[in-house]
Amino acid sequence: MSVDNIVSKEKLTHYIGLTRKARQKATPIPKEGSHESEQLQIMLRMADDYASDAQHFMDKGDYVRAFGAINYAHAWIDAGVKLRLLDGHGDDVLFTLP
């Protein structure tokens, strides 16, 4: 079996770190209190919940579920950037820019 097909603790730590960086870097665009801001808060809550799940699964040794969860978390953040609810500040490594 190839090392590329294994979800290791090191890989998880790397991807959790990337998602943490993305969450910190992306900043809200809509005005507070607007409908778009409310929608963004829902998206960010989903990202945070999935990131929390990823850490939980990793701590339990369930690396496959942790890997899935962290990818969902990052996707929610990336969607916020793509929809222009979050500013990715031109970072095309952490985000799929509009």
N, C-alpha and C. Protein backbone atom coordinates (compact mmCIF):
# COMPACT_ATOMS: atom_id res chain seq x y z
N MET A 1 0.85 -1.18 0.00
CA MET A 1 0.00 0.00 0.00
C MET A 1 0.89 1.24 0.00
N SER A 2 0.54 2.20 -0.83
CA SER A 2 1.28 3.44 -0.95
C SER A 2 1.04 4.34 0.26
N VAL A 3 2.06 5.09 0.63
CA VAL A 3 1.93 6.04 1.74
C VAL A 3 0.91 7.13 1.42
N ASP A 4 0.71 7.40 0.13
CA ASP A 4 -0.27 8.41 -0.28
C ASP A 4 -1.70 7.99 0.02
N ASN A 5 -1.93 6.71 0.25
CA ASN A 5 -3.28 6.20 0.51
C ASN A 5 -3.55 6.02 2.00
N ILE A 6 -2.66 6.49 2.84
CA ILE A 6 -2.80 6.32 4.29
C ILE A 6 -3.09 7.66 4.95
N VAL A 7 -4.10 7.69 5.79
CA VAL A 7 -4.39 8.89 6.58
C VAL A 7 -3.62 8.75 7.89
N SER A 8 -2.54 9.47 7.99
CA SER A 8 -1.69 9.41 9.18
C SER A 8 -1.98 10.59 10.11
N LYS A 9 -1.51 10.49 11.32
CA LYS A 9 -1.66 11.58 12.28
C LYS A 9 -0.96 12.83 11.76
N GLU A 10 0.18 12.64 11.11
CA GLU A 10 0.92 13.78 10.56
C GLU A 10 0.13 14.49 9.46
N LYS A 11 -0.50 13.69 8.57
CA LYS A 11 -1.33 14.29 7.52
C LYS A 11 -2.50 15.05 8.11
N LEU A 12 -3.15 14.44 9.09
CA LEU A 12 -4.28 15.11 9.74
C LEU A 12 -3.86 16.41 10.39
N THR A 13 -2.75 16.37 11.09
CA THR A 13 -2.24 17.57 11.74
C THR A 13 -1.98 18.67 10.71
N HIS A 14 -1.43 18.28 9.57
CA HIS A 14 -1.17 19.23 8.49
C HIS A 14 -2.47 19.86 8.00
N TYR A 15 -3.47 19.04 7.69
CA TYR A 15 -4.72 19.56 7.14
C TYR A 15 -5.53 20.33 8.18
N ILE A 16 -5.48 19.92 9.41
CA ILE A 16 -6.15 20.69 10.46
C ILE A 16 -5.48 22.06 10.59
N GLY A 17 -4.17 22.09 10.47
CA GLY A 17 -3.44 23.35 10.51
C GLY A 17 -3.80 24.26 9.35
N LEU A 18 -3.92 23.69 8.14
CA LEU A 18 -4.31 24.49 6.97
C LEU A 18 -5.70 25.10 7.16
N THR A 19 -6.61 24.30 7.69
CA THR A 19 -7.97 24.80 7.89
C THR A 19 -7.99 25.86 8.98
N ARG A 20 -7.20 25.68 10.01
CA ARG A 20 -7.11 26.70 11.07
C ARG A 20 -6.58 28.02 10.48
N LYS A 21 -5.55 27.92 9.63
CA LYS A 21 -5.01 29.13 8.98
C LYS A 21 -6.06 29.80 8.11
N ALA A 22 -6.79 28.99 7.35
CA ALA A 22 -7.83 29.54 6.47
C ALA A 22 -8.91 30.25 7.29
N ARG A 23 -9.29 29.64 8.39
CA ARG A 23 -10.35 30.23 9.25
C ARG A 23 -9.88 31.56 9.82
N GLN A 24 -8.61 31.64 10.18
CA GLN A 24 -8.07 32.88 10.76
C GLN A 24 -7.86 33.96 9.70
N LYS A 25 -7.48 33.54 8.50
CA LYS A 25 -7.14 34.51 7.45
C LYS A 25 -8.37 35.13 6.80
N ALA A 26 -9.40 34.33 6.56
CA ALA A 26 -10.59 34.81 5.86
C ALA A 26 -11.36 35.78 6.75
N THR A 27 -11.67 36.93 6.21
CA THR A 27 -12.40 37.93 6.99
C THR A 27 -13.75 38.23 6.34
N PRO A 28 -14.75 38.49 7.17
CA PRO A 28 -16.10 38.75 6.66
C PRO A 28 -16.15 40.00 5.78
N ILE A 29 -16.96 39.92 4.73
CA ILE A 29 -17.18 41.06 3.84
C ILE A 29 -18.50 41.77 4.14
N PRO A 30 -19.60 41.03 4.35
CA PRO A 30 -20.89 41.72 4.55
C PRO A 30 -20.93 42.55 5.83
N LYS A 31 -21.78 43.58 5.80
CA LYS A 31 -22.00 44.40 6.99
C LYS A 31 -22.67 43.57 8.07
N GLU A 32 -22.25 43.79 9.31
CA GLU A 32 -22.88 43.09 10.44
C GLU A 32 -24.36 43.41 10.48
N GLY A 33 -25.16 42.38 10.77
CA GLY A 33 -26.60 42.56 10.86
C GLY A 33 -27.33 42.36 9.54
N SER A 34 -26.59 42.31 8.44
CA SER A 34 -27.22 42.10 7.13
C SER A 34 -27.61 40.63 6.96
N HIS A 35 -28.46 40.38 6.01
CA HIS A 35 -28.87 39.00 5.71
C HIS A 35 -27.65 38.16 5.33
N GLU A 36 -26.76 38.74 4.52
CA GLU A 36 -25.56 38.03 4.09
C GLU A 36 -24.67 37.69 5.28
N SER A 37 -24.58 38.59 6.23
CA SER A 37 -23.79 38.35 7.43
C SER A 37 -24.37 37.20 8.25
N GLU A 38 -25.68 37.15 8.34
CA GLU A 38 -26.34 36.06 9.04
C GLU A 38 -26.07 34.72 8.35
N GLN A 39 -26.14 34.72 7.02
CA GLN A 39 -25.86 33.50 6.26
C GLN A 39 -24.40 33.07 6.46
N LEU A 40 -23.50 34.03 6.45
CA LEU A 40 -22.08 33.73 6.67
C LEU A 40 -21.86 33.12 8.05
N GLN A 41 -22.55 33.62 9.05
CA GLN A 41 -22.39 33.08 10.40
C GLN A 41 -22.81 31.61 10.45
N ILE A 42 -23.84 31.25 9.70
CA ILE A 42 -24.25 29.85 9.62
C ILE A 42 -23.13 29.02 8.98
N MET A 43 -22.56 29.52 7.90
CA MET A 43 -21.48 28.80 7.22
C MET A 43 -20.27 28.62 8.13
N LEU A 44 -19.91 29.68 8.84
CA LEU A 44 -18.74 29.60 9.72
C LEU A 44 -18.99 28.67 10.90
N ARG A 45 -20.22 28.65 11.37
CA ARG A 45 -20.57 27.71 12.45
C ARG A 45 -20.41 26.28 11.97
N MET A 46 -20.83 26.01 10.74
CA MET A 46 -20.66 24.67 10.17
C MET A 46 -19.17 24.33 10.07
N ALA A 47 -18.38 25.29 9.61
CA ALA A 47 -16.93 25.05 9.51
C ALA A 47 -16.34 24.75 10.87
N ASP A 48 -16.72 25.53 11.86
CA ASP A 48 -16.19 25.33 13.22
C ASP A 48 -16.63 23.99 13.80
N ASP A 49 -17.89 23.62 13.56
CA ASP A 49 -18.39 22.34 14.07
C ASP A 49 -17.66 21.17 13.43
N TYR A 50 -17.46 21.23 12.12
CA TYR A 50 -16.73 20.15 11.44
C TYR A 50 -15.27 20.09 11.90
N ALA A 51 -14.65 21.24 12.12
CA ALA A 51 -13.27 21.26 12.60
C ALA A 51 -13.19 20.63 14.00
N SER A 52 -14.17 20.94 14.82
CA SER A 52 -14.23 20.34 16.15
C SER A 52 -14.43 18.83 16.06
N ASP A 53 -15.30 18.40 15.16
CA ASP A 53 -15.50 16.97 14.94
C ASP A 53 -14.21 16.30 14.50
N ALA A 54 -13.49 16.95 13.61
CA ALA A 54 -12.23 16.39 13.12
C ALA A 54 -11.26 16.15 14.28
N GLN A 55 -11.15 17.13 15.16
CA GLN A 55 -10.24 16.98 16.30
C GLN A 55 -10.72 15.85 17.21
N HIS A 56 -12.02 15.77 17.42
CA HIS A 56 -12.60 14.71 18.25
C HIS A 56 -12.27 13.33 17.67
N PHE A 57 -12.51 13.15 16.37
CA PHE A 57 -12.23 11.87 15.74
C PHE A 57 -10.74 11.55 15.77
N MET A 58 -9.91 12.56 15.55
CA MET A 58 -8.46 12.33 15.58
C MET A 58 -8.05 11.88 16.98
N ASP A 59 -8.57 12.53 18.01
CA ASP A 59 -8.24 12.17 19.39
C ASP A 59 -8.65 10.73 19.71
N LYS A 60 -9.74 10.27 19.06
CA LYS A 60 -10.20 8.90 19.27
C LYS A 60 -9.43 7.89 18.41
N GLY A 61 -8.59 8.38 17.52
CA GLY A 61 -7.84 7.50 16.63
C GLY A 61 -8.59 7.14 15.35
N ASP A 62 -9.72 7.78 15.10
CA ASP A 62 -10.50 7.53 13.89
C ASP A 62 -10.06 8.53 12.82
N TYR A 63 -8.94 8.23 12.19
CA TYR A 63 -8.32 9.16 11.26
C TYR A 63 -9.11 9.34 9.97
N VAL A 64 -9.82 8.32 9.54
CA VAL A 64 -10.60 8.44 8.31
C VAL A 64 -11.73 9.44 8.50
N ARG A 65 -12.48 9.31 9.60
CA ARG A 65 -13.57 10.28 9.84
C ARG A 65 -13.01 11.67 10.11
N ALA A 66 -11.88 11.75 10.79
CA ALA A 66 -11.25 13.05 11.04
C ALA A 66 -10.86 13.72 9.73
N PHE A 67 -10.32 12.95 8.80
CA PHE A 67 -9.92 13.49 7.51
C PHE A 67 -11.14 14.00 6.74
N GLY A 68 -12.22 13.25 6.77
CA GLY A 68 -13.44 13.69 6.12
C GLY A 68 -13.98 14.97 6.73
N ALA A 69 -14.00 15.02 8.05
CA ALA A 69 -14.55 16.18 8.75
C ALA A 69 -13.73 17.44 8.48
N ILE A 70 -12.41 17.33 8.48
CA ILE A 70 -11.60 18.54 8.27
C ILE A 70 -11.73 19.04 6.85
N ASN A 71 -11.95 18.13 5.92
CA ASN A 71 -12.18 18.56 4.54
C ASN A 71 -13.51 19.27 4.39
N TYR A 72 -14.54 18.80 5.08
CA TYR A 72 -15.82 19.51 5.09
C TYR A 72 -15.65 20.90 5.71
N ALA A 73 -14.92 20.99 6.80
CA ALA A 73 -14.70 22.28 7.46
C ALA A 73 -14.06 23.27 6.50
N HIS A 74 -13.01 22.82 5.83
CA HIS A 74 -12.30 23.72 4.91
C HIS A 74 -13.20 24.10 3.74
N ALA A 75 -14.02 23.16 3.29
CA ALA A 75 -14.92 23.45 2.17
C ALA A 75 -15.92 24.55 2.51
N TRP A 76 -16.42 24.55 3.75
CA TRP A 76 -17.36 25.61 4.16
C TRP A 76 -16.67 26.98 4.11
N ILE A 77 -15.43 27.05 4.57
CA ILE A 77 -14.69 28.31 4.54
C ILE A 77 -14.42 28.73 3.10
N ASP A 78 -13.98 27.76 2.30
CA ASP A 78 -13.69 28.03 0.90
C ASP A 78 -14.93 28.50 0.16
N ALA A 79 -16.08 27.91 0.47
CA ALA A 79 -17.34 28.34 -0.15
C ALA A 79 -17.64 29.80 0.20
N GLY A 80 -17.36 30.18 1.44
CA GLY A 80 -17.57 31.57 1.85
C GLY A 80 -16.73 32.54 1.04
N VAL A 81 -15.50 32.12 0.74
CA VAL A 81 -14.63 32.96 -0.10
C VAL A 81 -15.16 32.99 -1.53
N LYS A 82 -15.51 31.84 -2.04
CA LYS A 82 -15.99 31.75 -3.42
C LYS A 82 -17.26 32.57 -3.63
N LEU A 83 -18.12 32.59 -2.61
CA LEU A 83 -19.38 33.34 -2.69
C LEU A 83 -19.20 34.83 -2.34
N ARG A 84 -17.97 35.20 -2.05
CA ARG A 84 -17.61 36.58 -1.69
C ARG A 84 -18.30 37.05 -0.42
N LEU A 85 -18.46 36.10 0.50
CA LEU A 85 -18.91 36.46 1.84
C LEU A 85 -17.70 36.61 2.76
N LEU A 86 -16.59 36.00 2.35
CA LEU A 86 -15.32 36.11 3.06
C LEU A 86 -14.26 36.60 2.10
N ASP A 87 -13.34 37.41 2.62
CA ASP A 87 -12.20 37.87 1.83
C ASP A 87 -11.04 36.92 2.11
N GLY A 88 -10.56 36.26 1.05
CA GLY A 88 -9.42 35.35 1.17
C GLY A 88 -8.09 36.05 1.01
N HIS A 89 -8.10 37.36 0.83
CA HIS A 89 -6.90 38.19 0.75
C HIS A 89 -5.91 37.69 -0.30
N GLY A 90 -6.47 37.20 -1.42
CA GLY A 90 -5.63 36.80 -2.55
C GLY A 90 -4.86 35.50 -2.35
N ASP A 91 -5.13 34.77 -1.30
CA ASP A 91 -4.40 33.53 -1.00
C ASP A 91 -4.97 32.37 -1.83
N ASP A 92 -4.28 32.03 -2.91
CA ASP A 92 -4.77 30.95 -3.76
C ASP A 92 -4.21 29.58 -3.35
N VAL A 93 -3.56 29.52 -2.21
CA VAL A 93 -3.14 28.23 -1.65
C VAL A 93 -4.20 27.73 -0.68
N LEU A 94 -4.70 28.62 0.18
CA LEU A 94 -5.72 28.23 1.15
C LEU A 94 -7.12 28.22 0.58
N PHE A 95 -7.35 28.98 -0.50
CA PHE A 95 -8.70 29.16 -1.01
C PHE A 95 -8.77 29.00 -2.52
N THR A 96 -9.97 28.66 -3.00
CA THR A 96 -10.28 28.72 -4.43
C THR A 96 -10.87 30.11 -4.63
N LEU A 97 -10.08 30.98 -5.19
CA LEU A 97 -10.50 32.38 -5.30
C LEU A 97 -11.55 32.57 -6.38
N PRO A 98 -12.42 33.58 -6.16
CA PRO A 98 -13.46 33.87 -7.17
C PRO A 98 -12.86 34.22 -8.52
